[in-house]
N, C-alpha and C. Protein backbone atom coordinates (compact mmCIF):
# COMPACT_ATOMS: atom_id res chain seq x y z
N MET A 1 -11.80 -3.21 15.35
CA MET A 1 -11.10 -2.13 14.16
C MET A 1 -10.22 -2.77 13.35
N SER A 2 -10.40 -2.64 11.99
CA SER A 2 -9.16 -3.22 11.28
C SER A 2 -7.95 -3.08 10.97
N TYR A 3 -6.85 -3.74 10.51
CA TYR A 3 -5.59 -3.68 10.54
C TYR A 3 -5.44 -2.17 9.93
N VAL A 4 -6.03 -2.31 8.67
CA VAL A 4 -5.83 -0.66 7.82
C VAL A 4 -6.07 0.51 8.79
N GLU A 5 -7.26 0.47 9.44
CA GLU A 5 -7.83 1.55 10.21
C GLU A 5 -6.81 1.77 11.18
N GLN A 6 -6.16 0.67 11.89
CA GLN A 6 -5.22 0.85 13.07
C GLN A 6 -3.95 1.64 12.27
N SER A 7 -3.52 1.15 11.21
CA SER A 7 -2.42 1.50 10.83
C SER A 7 -2.10 3.02 10.17
N LEU A 8 -3.40 3.74 9.98
CA LEU A 8 -3.33 5.10 9.35
C LEU A 8 -2.63 5.83 10.25
N LEU A 9 -1.75 6.58 9.34
CA LEU A 9 -1.04 7.79 10.07
C LEU A 9 -1.68 9.07 10.29
N PRO A 10 -1.35 10.27 10.67
CA PRO A 10 -2.05 11.38 10.88
C PRO A 10 -2.42 11.91 9.27
N ASN A 11 -3.43 12.34 8.99
CA ASN A 11 -3.81 12.79 7.39
C ASN A 11 -3.77 11.80 6.68
N GLU A 12 -3.95 10.76 6.79
CA GLU A 12 -3.64 9.31 5.64
C GLU A 12 -5.43 9.28 5.65
N ARG A 13 -5.75 8.97 4.41
CA ARG A 13 -7.19 8.40 4.38
C ARG A 13 -7.33 7.16 3.30
N VAL A 14 -7.89 6.53 3.49
CA VAL A 14 -8.06 5.31 2.35
C VAL A 14 -8.74 5.54 1.14
N ILE A 15 -8.26 5.68 0.02
CA ILE A 15 -8.69 5.81 -1.30
C ILE A 15 -9.20 4.58 -1.95
N HIS A 16 -8.78 3.69 -1.40
CA HIS A 16 -9.09 2.25 -2.50
C HIS A 16 -9.01 1.10 -1.48
N ARG A 17 -10.00 0.03 -1.57
CA ARG A 17 -10.24 -1.11 -0.88
C ARG A 17 -10.60 -2.26 -1.39
N THR A 18 -9.87 -3.43 -1.32
CA THR A 18 -10.41 -4.52 -1.93
C THR A 18 -10.14 -5.75 -1.08
N THR A 19 -10.72 -6.97 -1.44
CA THR A 19 -10.57 -8.18 -0.65
C THR A 19 -10.19 -9.30 -1.57
N LEU A 20 -9.95 -10.58 -0.66
CA LEU A 20 -9.83 -11.51 -1.61
C LEU A 20 -11.12 -12.07 -2.17
N SER A 21 -10.97 -12.67 -3.34
CA SER A 21 -12.30 -12.81 -4.22
C SER A 21 -13.18 -13.91 -3.51
N ARG A 22 -14.38 -13.86 -3.63
CA ARG A 22 -15.35 -15.02 -3.45
C ARG A 22 -15.03 -16.38 -3.86
N ILE A 23 -14.35 -16.41 -5.19
CA ILE A 23 -14.07 -17.39 -6.02
C ILE A 23 -13.21 -18.44 -4.96
N VAL A 24 -12.52 -18.13 -3.69
CA VAL A 24 -11.72 -19.00 -3.30
C VAL A 24 -12.76 -20.06 -2.59
N PHE A 25 -13.99 -19.87 -2.42
CA PHE A 25 -14.95 -20.81 -2.06
C PHE A 25 -15.74 -21.91 -3.01
N VAL A 26 -15.35 -21.69 -4.23
CA VAL A 26 -15.89 -22.36 -5.28
C VAL A 26 -15.74 -23.89 -4.97
N ASP A 27 -14.11 -24.37 -5.16
CA ASP A 27 -13.97 -25.73 -4.77
C ASP A 27 -14.48 -26.44 -3.32
N PRO A 28 -14.87 -25.92 -2.36
CA PRO A 28 -15.26 -26.54 -1.14
C PRO A 28 -16.85 -26.58 -1.64
N ALA A 29 -17.44 -25.64 -2.00
CA ALA A 29 -18.74 -25.52 -2.24
C ALA A 29 -19.33 -26.48 -3.20
N VAL A 30 -18.36 -26.74 -4.38
CA VAL A 30 -18.76 -27.97 -5.36
C VAL A 30 -18.73 -29.35 -4.87
N VAL A 31 -17.66 -29.44 -3.71
CA VAL A 31 -17.38 -30.79 -3.07
C VAL A 31 -18.82 -30.86 -2.01
N ALA A 32 -19.01 -29.84 -1.31
CA ALA A 32 -20.16 -29.86 -0.72
C ALA A 32 -21.56 -30.39 -1.22
N ALA A 33 -21.62 -29.50 -2.34
CA ALA A 33 -22.96 -29.79 -3.28
C ALA A 33 -23.14 -31.07 -3.60
N ILE A 34 -21.86 -31.68 -4.14
CA ILE A 34 -21.94 -33.23 -4.60
C ILE A 34 -22.17 -33.95 -3.19
N GLY A 35 -21.86 -33.68 -2.22
CA GLY A 35 -22.16 -34.56 -1.24
C GLY A 35 -23.59 -34.54 -0.60
N ILE A 36 -24.14 -33.11 -1.15
CA ILE A 36 -25.59 -33.04 -0.74
C ILE A 36 -26.50 -33.87 -1.92
N LEU A 37 -25.85 -33.67 -2.84
CA LEU A 37 -26.51 -34.65 -4.02
C LEU A 37 -26.53 -35.91 -3.98
N ILE A 38 -25.38 -36.44 -3.58
CA ILE A 38 -25.36 -37.94 -2.88
C ILE A 38 -26.06 -38.47 -2.17
N MET A 39 -26.47 -37.83 -0.92
CA MET A 39 -27.58 -37.89 0.10
C MET A 39 -28.59 -38.24 -0.20
N LEU A 40 -29.03 -37.27 -1.43
CA LEU A 40 -30.55 -37.15 -1.95
C LEU A 40 -30.73 -38.80 -2.74
N ALA A 41 -29.62 -39.12 -3.31
CA ALA A 41 -29.30 -40.30 -4.11
C ALA A 41 -29.94 -41.45 -3.51
N GLY A 42 -29.96 -41.55 -2.12
CA GLY A 42 -30.58 -42.87 -1.68
C GLY A 42 -29.78 -42.96 -0.22
N ARG A 43 -30.64 -43.89 0.37
CA ARG A 43 -30.25 -44.03 1.71
C ARG A 43 -28.78 -44.90 1.96
N ASN A 44 -28.40 -45.56 1.12
CA ASN A 44 -27.26 -46.25 0.96
C ASN A 44 -26.05 -45.62 0.85
N ALA A 45 -26.23 -44.40 0.12
CA ALA A 45 -25.19 -43.15 -0.21
C ALA A 45 -25.16 -42.21 0.77
N VAL A 46 -25.75 -42.09 1.73
CA VAL A 46 -25.71 -41.29 2.82
C VAL A 46 -24.51 -40.86 3.41
N PRO A 47 -23.87 -41.90 3.97
CA PRO A 47 -22.46 -41.76 4.66
C PRO A 47 -21.53 -41.13 3.71
N MET A 48 -21.51 -41.80 2.58
CA MET A 48 -20.46 -40.87 1.50
C MET A 48 -20.80 -39.39 1.36
N GLY A 49 -22.26 -39.46 1.24
CA GLY A 49 -22.80 -37.92 1.22
C GLY A 49 -22.28 -36.86 2.47
N ILE A 50 -22.29 -37.49 3.48
CA ILE A 50 -21.89 -36.83 4.61
C ILE A 50 -20.49 -36.75 4.83
N VAL A 51 -19.81 -37.48 4.17
CA VAL A 51 -18.17 -37.40 4.17
C VAL A 51 -17.73 -36.13 3.47
N LEU A 52 -18.43 -36.42 2.25
CA LEU A 52 -18.10 -35.32 1.17
C LEU A 52 -18.62 -33.75 1.76
N LEU A 53 -19.71 -33.67 2.15
CA LEU A 53 -20.17 -32.48 3.02
C LEU A 53 -19.32 -31.99 3.94
N LEU A 54 -18.42 -33.02 5.09
CA LEU A 54 -17.65 -32.35 5.88
C LEU A 54 -16.46 -32.04 5.32
N VAL A 55 -16.02 -32.83 4.45
CA VAL A 55 -14.85 -32.47 3.44
C VAL A 55 -14.96 -31.10 2.86
N GLY A 56 -16.05 -30.74 2.22
CA GLY A 56 -16.22 -29.69 1.80
C GLY A 56 -16.20 -28.35 3.02
N ALA A 57 -17.00 -28.48 3.88
CA ALA A 57 -17.06 -27.71 5.01
C ALA A 57 -15.57 -27.15 5.75
N ALA A 58 -14.88 -28.53 6.03
CA ALA A 58 -13.57 -28.49 6.45
C ALA A 58 -12.55 -27.66 5.45
N ALA A 59 -12.74 -27.97 4.10
CA ALA A 59 -11.68 -27.16 3.25
C ALA A 59 -12.41 -25.63 3.26
N ALA A 60 -13.63 -25.09 3.45
CA ALA A 60 -13.93 -23.81 3.27
C ALA A 60 -13.63 -22.94 4.55
N LEU A 61 -13.41 -23.72 5.74
CA LEU A 61 -12.96 -23.36 7.06
C LEU A 61 -11.80 -22.20 6.89
N PRO A 62 -10.53 -22.96 6.75
CA PRO A 62 -9.32 -22.14 6.30
C PRO A 62 -9.39 -20.92 5.04
N ARG A 63 -10.29 -21.20 3.94
CA ARG A 63 -10.85 -20.14 3.28
C ARG A 63 -11.41 -18.96 3.87
N TYR A 64 -12.29 -19.26 4.66
CA TYR A 64 -12.96 -18.39 5.24
C TYR A 64 -12.00 -17.48 5.78
N ILE A 65 -11.51 -18.16 6.80
CA ILE A 65 -10.57 -17.32 7.75
C ILE A 65 -9.86 -16.59 7.11
N SER A 66 -8.98 -16.91 6.04
CA SER A 66 -8.21 -16.33 5.04
C SER A 66 -8.81 -15.00 4.38
N PHE A 67 -10.12 -15.44 3.87
CA PHE A 67 -11.11 -14.22 3.15
C PHE A 67 -11.28 -13.07 4.23
N ALA A 68 -11.78 -13.41 5.63
CA ALA A 68 -12.04 -12.59 6.49
C ALA A 68 -11.11 -11.62 7.03
N THR A 69 -9.78 -12.43 6.91
CA THR A 69 -8.63 -11.50 7.75
C THR A 69 -7.73 -10.99 6.56
N SER A 70 -8.02 -10.94 5.49
CA SER A 70 -7.16 -10.35 4.52
C SER A 70 -7.66 -8.81 4.11
N GLU A 71 -6.69 -7.88 4.17
CA GLU A 71 -7.12 -6.57 3.59
C GLU A 71 -6.16 -5.89 2.74
N PHE A 72 -6.50 -5.35 1.69
CA PHE A 72 -5.86 -4.50 0.55
C PHE A 72 -6.29 -3.36 0.66
N ALA A 73 -5.50 -2.17 0.79
CA ALA A 73 -5.90 -1.08 0.69
C ALA A 73 -4.89 0.14 0.06
N ILE A 74 -5.25 1.05 -0.65
CA ILE A 74 -4.67 2.07 -1.26
C ILE A 74 -5.14 3.40 -0.29
N THR A 75 -3.98 3.98 0.29
CA THR A 75 -4.13 5.41 1.11
C THR A 75 -3.49 6.46 0.04
N ASN A 76 -3.81 7.74 0.75
CA ASN A 76 -3.35 8.85 -0.15
C ASN A 76 -1.59 8.80 0.32
N GLN A 77 -0.98 7.86 0.99
CA GLN A 77 0.41 7.89 1.16
C GLN A 77 0.96 6.33 1.15
N ARG A 78 0.33 5.36 1.07
CA ARG A 78 0.98 3.77 1.07
C ARG A 78 -0.15 3.04 0.44
N VAL A 79 0.71 1.93 0.13
CA VAL A 79 -0.16 0.38 0.11
C VAL A 79 -0.03 -0.17 1.04
N ILE A 80 -1.15 -0.61 1.56
CA ILE A 80 -1.24 -1.33 2.86
C ILE A 80 -1.90 -2.63 2.84
N ILE A 81 -1.11 -3.93 2.84
CA ILE A 81 -1.92 -5.08 2.53
C ILE A 81 -1.42 -6.17 4.15
N LYS A 82 -2.83 -6.73 4.28
CA LYS A 82 -2.42 -7.47 5.56
C LYS A 82 -3.06 -8.78 5.04
N VAL A 83 -2.81 -10.10 5.05
CA VAL A 83 -3.00 -11.05 4.83
C VAL A 83 -2.94 -12.28 6.01
N GLY A 84 -3.79 -13.19 6.36
CA GLY A 84 -3.50 -14.19 7.38
C GLY A 84 -4.01 -13.58 9.02
N LEU A 85 -4.48 -14.74 9.66
CA LEU A 85 -4.92 -14.60 11.13
C LEU A 85 -3.71 -14.95 12.12
N PHE A 86 -3.45 -16.40 11.95
CA PHE A 86 -2.42 -16.89 12.89
C PHE A 86 -0.93 -16.60 12.33
N ARG A 87 -0.71 -16.58 10.93
CA ARG A 87 0.70 -16.38 10.26
C ARG A 87 0.28 -15.20 9.36
N ARG A 88 0.56 -13.86 10.00
CA ARG A 88 0.37 -12.69 9.38
C ARG A 88 1.42 -12.12 8.40
N GLN A 89 0.80 -11.91 7.33
CA GLN A 89 2.10 -11.25 6.17
C GLN A 89 1.45 -9.76 5.99
N THR A 90 2.32 -8.90 6.36
CA THR A 90 1.80 -7.68 6.05
C THR A 90 2.69 -6.84 5.09
N VAL A 91 2.35 -5.82 4.52
CA VAL A 91 3.13 -5.11 3.43
C VAL A 91 2.55 -3.55 3.61
N GLU A 92 3.61 -2.63 4.02
CA GLU A 92 2.99 -1.15 4.05
C GLU A 92 4.06 -0.62 3.35
N LEU A 93 3.90 -0.16 1.80
CA LEU A 93 5.02 0.33 1.15
C LEU A 93 4.62 1.82 0.78
N GLN A 94 5.50 3.04 1.24
CA GLN A 94 5.09 4.24 0.70
C GLN A 94 5.10 4.14 -0.77
N LEU A 95 3.83 5.02 -0.97
CA LEU A 95 3.66 5.02 -2.59
C LEU A 95 5.06 5.61 -3.15
N SER A 96 5.85 6.63 -2.68
CA SER A 96 7.04 7.11 -3.27
C SER A 96 8.12 5.87 -3.66
N LYS A 97 7.88 5.04 -2.82
CA LYS A 97 8.77 3.58 -3.04
C LYS A 97 8.29 2.48 -3.73
N LEU A 98 6.88 2.90 -4.44
CA LEU A 98 6.06 1.64 -5.06
C LEU A 98 6.71 1.81 -6.59
N GLU A 99 7.21 0.52 -6.94
CA GLU A 99 7.82 0.86 -8.43
C GLU A 99 6.62 0.16 -9.68
N ALA A 100 5.98 -1.07 -9.11
CA ALA A 100 4.83 -1.66 -9.85
C ALA A 100 3.93 -2.51 -9.38
N ILE A 101 2.67 -2.27 -9.92
CA ILE A 101 1.79 -3.48 -9.29
C ILE A 101 1.16 -4.35 -10.35
N ALA A 102 2.02 -5.46 -10.70
CA ALA A 102 1.63 -6.47 -11.69
C ALA A 102 0.58 -7.07 -11.47
N VAL A 103 -0.30 -7.23 -12.65
CA VAL A 103 -1.73 -7.82 -12.42
C VAL A 103 -1.39 -9.26 -13.42
N ASP A 104 -2.05 -10.61 -12.74
CA ASP A 104 -1.94 -11.35 -13.42
C ASP A 104 -3.23 -12.09 -13.46
N GLN A 105 -4.20 -12.21 -14.54
CA GLN A 105 -5.45 -12.89 -14.88
C GLN A 105 -5.63 -13.71 -15.95
N GLY A 106 -6.03 -14.78 -15.51
CA GLY A 106 -6.65 -15.93 -16.48
C GLY A 106 -7.59 -15.41 -17.26
N LEU A 107 -8.13 -16.24 -17.92
CA LEU A 107 -9.66 -15.77 -18.70
C LEU A 107 -10.69 -15.96 -17.47
N LEU A 108 -10.74 -16.76 -16.93
CA LEU A 108 -11.86 -16.77 -15.87
C LEU A 108 -11.68 -16.00 -14.94
N GLY A 109 -10.74 -15.32 -14.54
CA GLY A 109 -10.24 -14.33 -13.66
C GLY A 109 -10.88 -12.89 -14.31
N ARG A 110 -10.72 -12.89 -15.60
CA ARG A 110 -10.88 -11.62 -16.13
C ARG A 110 -12.71 -11.51 -16.37
N ILE A 111 -13.23 -12.73 -16.68
CA ILE A 111 -14.73 -12.80 -16.50
C ILE A 111 -15.42 -12.46 -15.24
N LEU A 112 -14.86 -13.05 -14.35
CA LEU A 112 -15.31 -12.91 -12.57
C LEU A 112 -14.66 -11.97 -12.03
N GLY A 113 -13.65 -11.28 -12.61
CA GLY A 113 -13.07 -10.07 -11.82
C GLY A 113 -11.97 -10.26 -10.74
N TYR A 114 -11.26 -11.27 -10.96
CA TYR A 114 -10.37 -11.59 -9.99
C TYR A 114 -8.64 -11.91 -10.62
N GLY A 115 -8.03 -11.84 -9.78
CA GLY A 115 -6.54 -12.25 -10.28
C GLY A 115 -5.36 -12.15 -9.16
N ASN A 116 -4.20 -12.14 -9.55
CA ASN A 116 -3.04 -12.06 -8.55
C ASN A 116 -2.61 -10.88 -9.09
N ILE A 117 -1.86 -10.43 -7.88
CA ILE A 117 -1.15 -8.91 -8.10
C ILE A 117 0.39 -9.38 -7.33
N VAL A 118 1.29 -8.73 -7.82
CA VAL A 118 2.64 -8.81 -7.56
C VAL A 118 3.11 -7.17 -7.24
N VAL A 119 3.29 -6.86 -5.98
CA VAL A 119 3.83 -5.48 -5.67
C VAL A 119 5.12 -5.35 -5.69
N THR A 120 5.68 -4.48 -6.37
CA THR A 120 7.28 -4.27 -6.11
C THR A 120 7.59 -2.91 -5.93
N GLY A 121 8.27 -3.09 -4.91
CA GLY A 121 8.90 -1.91 -4.29
C GLY A 121 10.10 -1.52 -4.74
N THR A 122 10.77 -0.19 -4.66
CA THR A 122 12.30 0.11 -4.84
C THR A 122 13.21 -0.81 -4.11
N GLY A 123 14.19 -1.22 -4.65
CA GLY A 123 15.02 -2.09 -4.06
C GLY A 123 14.65 -3.68 -4.25
N GLY A 124 14.08 -3.98 -5.16
CA GLY A 124 13.65 -5.12 -5.61
C GLY A 124 12.55 -5.96 -4.94
N THR A 125 11.94 -5.50 -3.92
CA THR A 125 10.90 -6.05 -2.84
C THR A 125 9.91 -6.35 -3.90
N LYS A 126 9.30 -7.93 -3.74
CA LYS A 126 8.28 -8.37 -4.61
C LYS A 126 7.50 -9.18 -3.53
N GLU A 127 6.25 -8.76 -3.51
CA GLU A 127 5.32 -9.45 -3.02
C GLU A 127 4.07 -10.02 -3.74
N ARG A 128 3.88 -11.16 -3.53
CA ARG A 128 2.53 -11.86 -4.54
C ARG A 128 1.38 -12.09 -3.72
N PHE A 129 0.42 -11.82 -4.11
CA PHE A 129 -0.72 -11.99 -3.50
C PHE A 129 -1.81 -12.47 -4.53
N LYS A 130 -2.59 -13.50 -3.95
CA LYS A 130 -3.34 -14.67 -5.23
C LYS A 130 -4.99 -14.32 -5.01
N THR A 131 -5.61 -14.35 -6.00
CA THR A 131 -6.93 -14.40 -5.88
C THR A 131 -7.71 -13.06 -5.11
N ILE A 132 -7.07 -11.77 -5.57
CA ILE A 132 -7.62 -10.47 -5.41
C ILE A 132 -8.96 -10.21 -6.13
N SER A 133 -9.83 -9.55 -5.66
CA SER A 133 -10.88 -9.01 -6.02
C SER A 133 -10.71 -7.89 -6.51
N GLY A 134 -11.01 -7.49 -8.27
CA GLY A 134 -10.75 -6.30 -8.72
C GLY A 134 -9.09 -5.84 -8.71
N PRO A 135 -8.25 -6.65 -9.14
CA PRO A 135 -6.85 -6.03 -9.38
C PRO A 135 -6.57 -5.09 -9.89
N LEU A 136 -7.26 -5.00 -11.04
CA LEU A 136 -7.04 -3.80 -12.26
C LEU A 136 -7.32 -2.73 -11.34
N GLU A 137 -8.52 -2.51 -10.88
CA GLU A 137 -8.90 -1.32 -10.03
C GLU A 137 -8.12 -1.17 -8.91
N PHE A 138 -7.52 -2.07 -8.42
CA PHE A 138 -6.65 -1.89 -7.19
C PHE A 138 -5.25 -1.22 -7.81
N ARG A 139 -4.77 -1.90 -8.73
CA ARG A 139 -3.76 -0.84 -9.32
C ARG A 139 -3.95 0.61 -9.93
N ARG A 140 -4.97 0.59 -10.72
CA ARG A 140 -5.41 2.10 -11.00
C ARG A 140 -5.58 2.92 -10.07
N ALA A 141 -5.93 2.48 -8.61
CA ALA A 141 -5.92 3.47 -7.79
C ALA A 141 -4.52 3.95 -7.23
N ALA A 142 -3.89 3.04 -7.19
CA ALA A 142 -2.26 2.94 -6.81
C ALA A 142 -1.92 4.40 -7.73
N GLN A 143 -1.99 3.92 -9.34
CA GLN A 143 -1.37 4.71 -10.21
C GLN A 143 -1.93 6.11 -10.00
N ALA A 144 -3.39 6.11 -9.84
CA ALA A 144 -3.94 7.48 -9.94
C ALA A 144 -3.38 8.43 -8.59
N THR A 145 -3.25 7.63 -7.51
CA THR A 145 -2.80 8.46 -5.87
C THR A 145 -1.32 8.92 -6.29
N THR A 146 -0.46 7.92 -7.09
CA THR A 146 0.79 8.30 -7.26
C THR A 146 1.15 9.70 -8.33
N GLY A 147 0.44 9.30 -9.26
CA GLY A 147 0.51 10.22 -10.41
C GLY A 147 -0.11 11.85 -10.22
């Protein structure tokens, strides 16, 4: 059972969910692909290709763990965010205490639908989360629920 499901209060329901963007896997995939291309180039290049393939796989593992263990949800009462497995960071903010969800997207993020969000609560609490899938939709869901 997910952290969000475990955290739900009586009569609380999930309105919107999102995850980290799959863009986090691009760098390791490119390194691994280069390794494969080098291995295909010739017998003398196979050791270097294997090294690059292993480096790509090693870089992908922590990103996969982060991807698989991160949850972002808007309920009818709260914003619930949990990231991390070994070092867990959670934010559970009542919608009545939510001041803003700022979205930061570069050009590539706008094209591919990912970006960073900063959740600001009353009292100045600010929490930043990077490479969120559909950050504008996440913000809209929070605004629609509070409005």
